[in-house]
Amino acid sequence: MIVMKQKTITFAQRLQELLDEKDWSNYRLAKETCLHKQAIGRYLSGENDPTFAVVLKIARALNVSLAVFDNVTLPKPEPKGQSHDRSTS
């Protein structure tokens, strides 16, 4: 069995690909996720990494599985009871 290593890309690159595929703007994603447009911009620029909770919000809004982020390094899930969205403050 041959195992091919997937090329790792940044979260920003993967998110931009998904937005392009859906023909969505930053504003549309912000509206669908209830996140600030500026937070989406920081994720797309690579300035900030989202929390795991935000990645889940984004995946749900885009109607995609978390598997689309398989070759992207994601933040580790936060312990129960400590999940909050730091991007909206």
Protein backbone atom coordinates (compact mmCIF):
# COMPACT_ATOMS: atom_id res chain seq x y z
CA MET A 1 0.00 0.00 0.00
CA ILE A 2 1.35 3.40 -1.00
CA VAL A 3 0.60 6.25 1.35
CA MET A 4 0.91 9.67 -0.20
CA LYS A 5 1.50 12.57 2.11
CA GLN A 6 -0.90 15.43 1.52
CA LYS A 7 0.49 18.88 1.06
CA THR A 8 -0.21 20.94 4.16
CA ILE A 9 -1.77 24.33 3.60
CA THR A 10 -2.72 27.10 5.95
CA PHE A 11 -6.20 27.54 7.36
CA ALA A 12 -6.34 30.87 5.50
CA GLN A 13 -5.66 29.17 2.16
CA ARG A 14 -8.25 26.44 2.75
CA LEU A 15 -10.87 28.96 3.88
CA GLN A 16 -10.26 31.10 0.78
CA GLU A 17 -10.63 28.02 -1.44
CA LEU A 18 -13.95 27.18 0.19
CA LEU A 19 -15.24 30.74 -0.15
CA ASP A 20 -14.21 30.77 -3.83
CA GLU A 21 -15.96 27.42 -4.44
CA LYS A 22 -19.17 28.72 -2.86
CA ASP A 23 -18.77 32.17 -4.45
CA TRP A 24 -19.14 33.71 -0.98
CA SER A 25 -17.69 36.99 0.25
CA ASN A 26 -16.14 37.61 3.66
CA TYR A 27 -19.32 39.49 4.52
CA ARG A 28 -21.52 36.50 3.65
CA LEU A 29 -19.43 34.17 5.80
CA ALA A 30 -19.50 36.68 8.67
CA LYS A 31 -23.28 36.94 8.41
CA GLU A 32 -23.79 33.16 8.25
CA THR A 33 -21.48 32.48 11.22
CA CYS A 34 -22.44 35.53 13.34
CA LEU A 35 -18.75 36.48 13.46
CA HIS A 36 -17.37 39.94 12.81
CA LYS A 37 -16.28 40.64 9.24
CA GLN A 38 -12.92 41.82 10.63
CA ALA A 39 -12.41 38.45 12.34
CA ILE A 40 -13.03 36.66 9.05
CA GLY A 41 -10.53 39.01 7.40
CA ARG A 42 -7.90 38.18 10.03
CA TYR A 43 -8.44 34.44 9.47
CA LEU A 44 -8.11 34.91 5.71
CA SER A 45 -4.95 36.98 6.04
CA GLY A 46 -3.42 34.44 8.42
CA GLU A 47 -3.07 37.12 11.08
CA ASN A 48 -5.18 35.06 13.53
CA ASP A 49 -5.98 31.38 13.88
CA PRO A 50 -9.55 30.48 14.78
CA THR A 51 -10.49 28.49 17.84
CA PHE A 52 -11.84 25.01 17.28
CA ALA A 53 -15.34 26.32 18.06
CA VAL A 54 -14.99 28.92 15.28
CA VAL A 55 -13.78 26.26 12.82
CA LEU A 56 -16.95 24.30 13.63
CA LYS A 57 -19.10 27.40 13.02
CA ILE A 58 -17.40 28.01 9.70
CA ALA A 59 -17.75 24.38 8.58
CA ARG A 60 -21.44 24.37 9.48
CA ALA A 61 -22.08 27.66 7.71
CA LEU A 62 -20.33 26.42 4.56
CA ASN A 63 -22.12 23.07 4.87
CA VAL A 64 -18.86 21.13 4.77
CA SER A 65 -17.40 18.42 6.94
CA LEU A 66 -14.39 19.04 9.15
CA ALA A 67 -12.63 16.59 6.81
CA VAL A 68 -12.05 19.48 4.38
CA PHE A 69 -9.55 20.75 6.95
CA ASP A 70 -7.69 17.40 7.20
CA ASN A 71 -4.41 18.74 5.85
CA VAL A 72 -4.68 21.97 7.84
CA THR A 73 -3.37 22.35 11.36
CA LEU A 74 -6.39 23.15 13.51
CA PRO A 75 -6.55 24.42 17.06
CA LYS A 76 -7.18 21.73 19.67
CA PRO A 77 -10.71 21.56 21.11
CA GLU A 78 -11.16 23.57 24.27
CA PRO A 79 -12.23 21.76 27.46
CA LYS A 80 -16.00 21.66 27.98
CA GLY A 81 -17.36 24.80 29.58
CA GLN A 82 -14.50 26.97 28.34
CA SER A 83 -15.56 27.41 24.71
CA HIS A 84 -15.99 31.03 23.73
CA ASP A 85 -15.45 33.08 20.62
CA ARG A 86 -12.41 35.31 21.13
CA SER A 87 -12.81 36.78 17.65
CA THR A 88 -15.88 38.83 18.48
CA SER A 89 -14.47 40.89 21.32
